[in-house]
Amino acid sequence: MIIRKETPADYEAVYELVKAAFAAAEHSDGREHELVAALRKSGAFVPGLSLVAETDGILAGHILFTEIRIGGRTALALAPLSVLPAYQRRGVGSALIAEGHRAARELRYPFSVVLGSERYYPKFGYLPAERFGIRPPFDAPSENFMALPLSDEPVRMEGIVRYAKEFGL
């Protein structure tokens, strides 16, 4: 498996990948693929944090981190993480998250937030965001709205998350 930065040549395949990954998802609005396309055109897009997993010449997964604001400071939102159904439970998502976190640390982002499974994301160090004083701009169970400090140095990030307007929040 190769994890690499997404290129414009990947856009169509990523669109279909994200669509397929969320087609049967329990918590989905069915528009994640459209969100990815919109975020690429936004000021929140960070090209180095849109990654794909390629295996056997197939794009099996994609992850996107975009900029958010928390209490006047810039951080990241992980959304979405997409893996083709045939490649799920094979470590593709884990590899994308690990490389995404590495790249985000290199770019010196202090935090990543995610709205997701309380069984999956804690494996990567995510904790309920409220522990850091970070709150979502919508109603969400605290166990599903999580944050991960990306810096070894303590960084104070308190406030309500402001997502890119493309999220429609």
C-alpha atoms as a PDB file:
ATOM      1  CA  MET A   1       0.000   0.000   0.000  1.00  0.00           C
ATOM      2  CA  ILE A   2       1.221   3.473  -0.889  1.00  0.00           C
ATOM      3  CA  ILE A   3      -0.046   6.553   0.944  1.00  0.00           C
ATOM      4  CA  ARG A   4       0.491   9.723  -1.085  1.00  0.00           C
ATOM      5  CA  LYS A   5      -0.859  13.203  -1.627  1.00  0.00           C
ATOM      6  CA  GLU A   6      -3.939  13.383  -3.796  1.00  0.00           C
ATOM      7  CA  THR A   7      -3.385  14.960  -7.220  1.00  0.00           C
ATOM      8  CA  PRO A   8      -5.922  16.527  -9.613  1.00  0.00           C
ATOM      9  CA  ALA A   9      -5.671  13.349 -11.699  1.00  0.00           C
ATOM     10  CA  ASP A  10      -7.187  11.486  -8.712  1.00  0.00           C
ATOM     11  CA  TYR A  11     -10.249  13.730  -8.296  1.00  0.00           C
ATOM     12  CA  GLU A  12     -12.703  11.665 -10.326  1.00  0.00           C
ATOM     13  CA  ALA A  13     -11.620   8.369  -8.758  1.00  0.00           C
ATOM     14  CA  VAL A  14     -11.745   9.918  -5.268  1.00  0.00           C
ATOM     15  CA  TYR A  15     -15.254  11.245  -5.952  1.00  0.00           C
ATOM     16  CA  GLU A  16     -16.431   7.710  -6.793  1.00  0.00           C
ATOM     17  CA  LEU A  17     -14.439   6.184  -3.914  1.00  0.00           C
ATOM     18  CA  VAL A  18     -16.016   8.504  -1.321  1.00  0.00           C
ATOM     19  CA  LYS A  19     -19.477   7.930  -2.796  1.00  0.00           C
ATOM     20  CA  ALA A  20     -19.016   4.137  -2.614  1.00  0.00           C
ATOM     21  CA  ALA A  21     -17.501   4.255   0.885  1.00  0.00           C
ATOM     22  CA  PHE A  22     -20.525   6.056   2.334  1.00  0.00           C
ATOM     23  CA  ALA A  23     -23.250   4.366   0.246  1.00  0.00           C
ATOM     24  CA  ALA A  24     -24.186   1.981   3.058  1.00  0.00           C
ATOM     25  CA  ALA A  25     -22.827   3.964   6.013  1.00  0.00           C
ATOM     26  CA  GLU A  26     -25.074   4.145   9.065  1.00  0.00           C
ATOM     27  CA  HIS A  27     -24.373   7.848   9.699  1.00  0.00           C
ATOM     28  CA  SER A  28     -24.220   9.566   6.325  1.00  0.00           C
ATOM     29  CA  ASP A  29     -26.087  12.272   4.475  1.00  0.00           C
ATOM     30  CA  GLY A  30     -25.062  10.661   1.169  1.00  0.00           C
ATOM     31  CA  ARG A  31     -23.215  13.786   0.062  1.00  0.00           C
ATOM     32  CA  GLU A  32     -19.711  13.278   1.444  1.00  0.00           C
ATOM     33  CA  HIS A  33     -18.305  13.009  -2.097  1.00  0.00           C
ATOM     34  CA  GLU A  34     -19.801  16.426  -2.915  1.00  0.00           C
ATOM     35  CA  LEU A  35     -18.342  17.855   0.298  1.00  0.00           C
ATOM     36  CA  VAL A  36     -14.844  16.720  -0.713  1.00  0.00           C
ATOM     37  CA  ALA A  37     -15.209  18.352  -4.124  1.00  0.00           C
ATOM     38  CA  ALA A  38     -16.446  21.608  -2.544  1.00  0.00           C
ATOM     39  CA  LEU A  39     -13.728  21.677   0.122  1.00  0.00           C
ATOM     40  CA  ARG A  40     -10.996  21.365  -2.528  1.00  0.00           C
ATOM     41  CA  LYS A  41     -12.160  24.743  -3.860  1.00  0.00           C
ATOM     42  CA  SER A  42     -12.330  26.395  -0.436  1.00  0.00           C
ATOM     43  CA  GLY A  43      -9.856  28.459   1.524  1.00  0.00           C
ATOM     44  CA  ALA A  44      -9.853  25.708   4.162  1.00  0.00           C
ATOM     45  CA  PHE A  45      -8.252  23.197   1.780  1.00  0.00           C
ATOM     46  CA  VAL A  46      -4.671  22.137   2.544  1.00  0.00           C
ATOM     47  CA  PRO A  47      -3.340  20.182  -0.495  1.00  0.00           C
ATOM     48  CA  GLY A  48      -0.779  18.304   1.598  1.00  0.00           C
ATOM     49  CA  LEU A  49      -3.534  16.974   3.851  1.00  0.00           C
ATOM     50  CA  SER A  50      -5.677  15.354   1.167  1.00  0.00           C
ATOM     51  CA  LEU A  51      -4.212  11.864   0.953  1.00  0.00           C
ATOM     52  CA  VAL A  52      -4.989   8.668  -0.924  1.00  0.00           C
ATOM     53  CA  ALA A  53      -4.144   5.030  -0.279  1.00  0.00           C
ATOM     54  CA  GLU A  54      -3.232   3.114  -3.393  1.00  0.00           C
ATOM     55  CA  THR A  55      -3.022  -0.648  -3.436  1.00  0.00           C
ATOM     56  CA  ASP A  56      -2.630  -2.882  -6.470  1.00  0.00           C
ATOM     57  CA  GLY A  57      -3.084   0.191  -8.686  1.00  0.00           C
ATOM     58  CA  ILE A  58      -6.484   0.964  -7.115  1.00  0.00           C
ATOM     59  CA  LEU A  59      -7.334   3.977  -4.985  1.00  0.00           C
ATOM     60  CA  ALA A  60      -8.658   2.164  -1.941  1.00  0.00           C
ATOM     61  CA  GLY A  61      -8.954   5.065   0.472  1.00  0.00           C
ATOM     62  CA  HIS A  62      -8.916   8.820   0.942  1.00  0.00           C
ATOM     63  CA  ILE A  63      -8.627  11.168   3.915  1.00  0.00           C
ATOM     64  CA  LEU A  64      -9.131  14.896   4.082  1.00  0.00           C
ATOM     65  CA  PHE A  65      -8.105  17.346   6.783  1.00  0.00           C
ATOM     66  CA  THR A  66      -9.274  20.948   6.339  1.00  0.00           C
ATOM     67  CA  GLU A  67      -8.660  24.069   8.371  1.00  0.00           C
ATOM     68  CA  ILE A  68     -11.097  25.127  11.063  1.00  0.00           C
ATOM     69  CA  ARG A  69     -11.040  27.883  13.658  1.00  0.00           C
ATOM     70  CA  ILE A  70     -11.257  27.315  17.401  1.00  0.00           C
ATOM     71  CA  GLY A  71     -11.257  30.335  19.656  1.00  0.00           C
ATOM     72  CA  GLY A  72      -9.452  32.458  17.082  1.00  0.00           C
ATOM     73  CA  ARG A  73      -6.793  29.850  16.287  1.00  0.00           C
ATOM     74  CA  THR A  74      -6.409  27.566  13.283  1.00  0.00           C
ATOM     75  CA  ALA A  75      -6.676  23.792  13.710  1.00  0.00           C
ATOM     76  CA  LEU A  76      -7.896  20.889  11.552  1.00  0.00           C
ATOM     77  CA  ALA A  77     -11.010  18.823  11.009  1.00  0.00           C
ATOM     78  CA  LEU A  78     -10.660  15.238   9.812  1.00  0.00           C
ATOM     79  CA  ALA A  79     -13.587  14.764   7.440  1.00  0.00           C
ATOM     80  CA  PRO A  80     -14.159  12.546   5.706  1.00  0.00           C
ATOM     81  CA  LEU A  81     -12.167   9.329   5.969  1.00  0.00           C
ATOM     82  CA  SER A  82     -13.251   7.022   3.148  1.00  0.00           C
ATOM     83  CA  VAL A  83     -12.280   3.435   2.345  1.00  0.00           C
ATOM     84  CA  LEU A  84     -13.783   1.335  -0.434  1.00  0.00           C
ATOM     85  CA  PRO A  85     -15.958  -1.382   1.107  1.00  0.00           C
ATOM     86  CA  ALA A  86     -13.779  -4.189  -0.332  1.00  0.00           C
ATOM     87  CA  TYR A  87     -10.727  -2.720   1.462  1.00  0.00           C
ATOM     88  CA  GLN A  88     -12.292  -1.964   4.834  1.00  0.00           C
ATOM     89  CA  ARG A  89     -10.854  -3.662   7.917  1.00  0.00           C
ATOM     90  CA  ARG A  90      -7.483  -4.091   6.182  1.00  0.00           C
ATOM     91  CA  GLY A  91      -5.620  -1.174   7.775  1.00  0.00           C
ATOM     92  CA  VAL A  92      -6.211   1.325   4.963  1.00  0.00           C
ATOM     93  CA  GLY A  93      -8.001   3.840   7.211  1.00  0.00           C
ATOM     94  CA  SER A  94      -5.406   3.433   9.955  1.00  0.00           C
ATOM     95  CA  ALA A  95      -2.560   4.063   7.511  1.00  0.00           C
ATOM     96  CA  LEU A  96      -4.284   7.179   6.148  1.00  0.00           C
ATOM     97  CA  ILE A  97      -4.894   8.554   9.640  1.00  0.00           C
ATOM     98  CA  ALA A  98      -1.302   7.906  10.719  1.00  0.00           C
ATOM     99  CA  GLU A  99       0.143   9.634   7.650  1.00  0.00           C
ATOM    100  CA  GLY A 100      -2.355  12.480   7.940  1.00  0.00           C
ATOM    101  CA  HIS A 101      -1.369  13.092  11.546  1.00  0.00           C
ATOM    102  CA  ARG A 102       2.323  12.961  10.635  1.00  0.00           C
ATOM    103  CA  ALA A 103       1.858  15.505   7.842  1.00  0.00           C
ATOM    104  CA  ALA A 104      -0.306  17.756  10.056  1.00  0.00           C
ATOM    105  CA  ARG A 105       2.356  17.740  12.775  1.00  0.00           C
ATOM    106  CA  GLU A 106       4.991  18.615  10.213  1.00  0.00           C
ATOM    107  CA  LEU A 107       2.833  21.574   9.139  1.00  0.00           C
ATOM    108  CA  ARG A 108       2.552  22.541  12.837  1.00  0.00           C
ATOM    109  CA  TYR A 109      -1.187  22.304  13.279  1.00  0.00           C
ATOM    110  CA  PRO A 110      -1.984  22.076  17.017  1.00  0.00           C
ATOM    111  CA  PHE A 111      -5.207  19.993  16.994  1.00  0.00           C
ATOM    112  CA  SER A 112      -7.411  17.771  14.874  1.00  0.00           C
ATOM    113  CA  VAL A 113     -11.108  17.296  15.586  1.00  0.00           C
ATOM    114  CA  VAL A 114     -13.391  14.591  14.270  1.00  0.00           C
ATOM    115  CA  LEU A 115     -17.052  13.677  14.516  1.00  0.00           C
ATOM    116  CA  GLY A 116     -17.077   9.918  14.368  1.00  0.00           C
ATOM    117  CA  SER A 117     -17.158   6.517  15.965  1.00  0.00           C
ATOM    118  CA  GLU A 118     -16.313   6.411  19.657  1.00  0.00           C
ATOM    119  CA  ARG A 119     -14.985   2.891  19.066  1.00  0.00           C
ATOM    120  CA  TYR A 120     -12.676   3.731  16.134  1.00  0.00           C
ATOM    121  CA  TYR A 121     -11.044   7.132  16.601  1.00  0.00           C
ATOM    122  CA  PRO A 122      -9.846   6.714  20.218  1.00  0.00           C
ATOM    123  CA  LYS A 123      -7.428   4.064  18.850  1.00  0.00           C
ATOM    124  CA  PHE A 124      -5.540   6.995  17.321  1.00  0.00           C
ATOM    125  CA  GLY A 125      -5.514   9.107  20.478  1.00  0.00           C
ATOM    126  CA  TYR A 126      -8.737  11.070  19.967  1.00  0.00           C
ATOM    127  CA  LEU A 127     -10.524  12.011  23.185  1.00  0.00           C
ATOM    128  CA  PRO A 128     -13.818  13.790  23.803  1.00  0.00           C
ATOM    129  CA  ALA A 129     -13.161  17.372  22.649  1.00  0.00           C
ATOM    130  CA  GLU A 130     -14.878  18.807  25.699  1.00  0.00           C
ATOM    131  CA  ARG A 131     -11.832  17.705  27.726  1.00  0.00           C
ATOM    132  CA  PHE A 132      -9.902  20.425  25.895  1.00  0.00           C
ATOM    133  CA  GLY A 133     -12.684  23.009  26.068  1.00  0.00           C
ATOM    134  CA  ILE A 134     -13.483  22.464  22.377  1.00  0.00           C
ATOM    135  CA  ARG A 135     -17.167  22.415  21.498  1.00  0.00           C
ATOM    136  CA  PRO A 136     -19.026  21.590  18.268  1.00  0.00           C
ATOM    137  CA  PRO A 137     -21.297  24.140  16.581  1.00  0.00           C
ATOM    138  CA  PHE A 138     -24.081  21.527  16.566  1.00  0.00           C
ATOM    139  CA  ASP A 139     -25.579  19.011  18.952  1.00  0.00           C
ATOM    140  CA  ALA A 140     -23.411  15.896  19.156  1.00  0.00           C
ATOM    141  CA  PRO A 141     -22.807  13.275  21.819  1.00  0.00           C
ATOM    142  CA  SER A 142     -19.550  14.131  23.582  1.00  0.00           C
ATOM    143  CA  GLU A 143     -18.192  10.633  22.928  1.00  0.00           C
ATOM    144  CA  ASN A 144     -18.525  11.228  19.165  1.00  0.00           C
ATOM    145  CA  PHE A 145     -17.042  14.734  18.908  1.00  0.00           C
ATOM    146  CA  MET A 146     -13.365  14.227  19.593  1.00  0.00           C
ATOM    147  CA  ALA A 147     -10.063  16.076  19.464  1.00  0.00           C
ATOM    148  CA  LEU A 148      -6.418  15.088  19.260  1.00  0.00           C
ATOM    149  CA  PRO A 149      -3.536  17.358  20.257  1.00  0.00           C
ATOM    150  CA  LEU A 150      -0.959  17.202  17.460  1.00  0.00           C
ATOM    151  CA  SER A 151       1.790  19.054  19.285  1.00  0.00           C
ATOM    152  CA  ASP A 152       3.954  17.824  22.144  1.00  0.00           C
ATOM    153  CA  GLU A 153       3.876  21.355  23.508  1.00  0.00           C
ATOM    154  CA  PRO A 154       0.733  22.262  25.429  1.00  0.00           C
ATOM    155  CA  VAL A 155      -1.501  24.452  23.257  1.00  0.00           C
ATOM    156  CA  ARG A 156      -4.611  26.061  24.646  1.00  0.00           C
ATOM    157  CA  MET A 157      -7.528  25.700  22.243  1.00  0.00           C
ATOM    158  CA  GLU A 158     -10.894  26.553  23.721  1.00  0.00           C
ATOM    159  CA  GLY A 159     -14.102  27.526  22.032  1.00  0.00           C
ATOM    160  CA  ILE A 160     -16.683  26.511  19.470  1.00  0.00           C
ATOM    161  CA  VAL A 161     -15.355  25.028  16.238  1.00  0.00           C
ATOM    162  CA  ARG A 162     -15.954  27.116  13.122  1.00  0.00           C
ATOM    163  CA  TYR A 163     -15.945  24.849  10.075  1.00  0.00           C
ATOM    164  CA  ALA A 164     -15.511  25.961   6.476  1.00  0.00           C
ATOM    165  CA  LYS A 165     -18.838  27.164   5.031  1.00  0.00           C
ATOM    166  CA  GLU A 166     -18.845  24.172   2.664  1.00  0.00           C
ATOM    167  CA  PHE A 167     -19.796  21.975   5.616  1.00  0.00           C
ATOM    168  CA  GLY A 168     -23.129  23.801   5.690  1.00  0.00           C
ATOM    169  CA  LEU A 169     -23.098  24.350   9.455  1.00  0.00           C
END
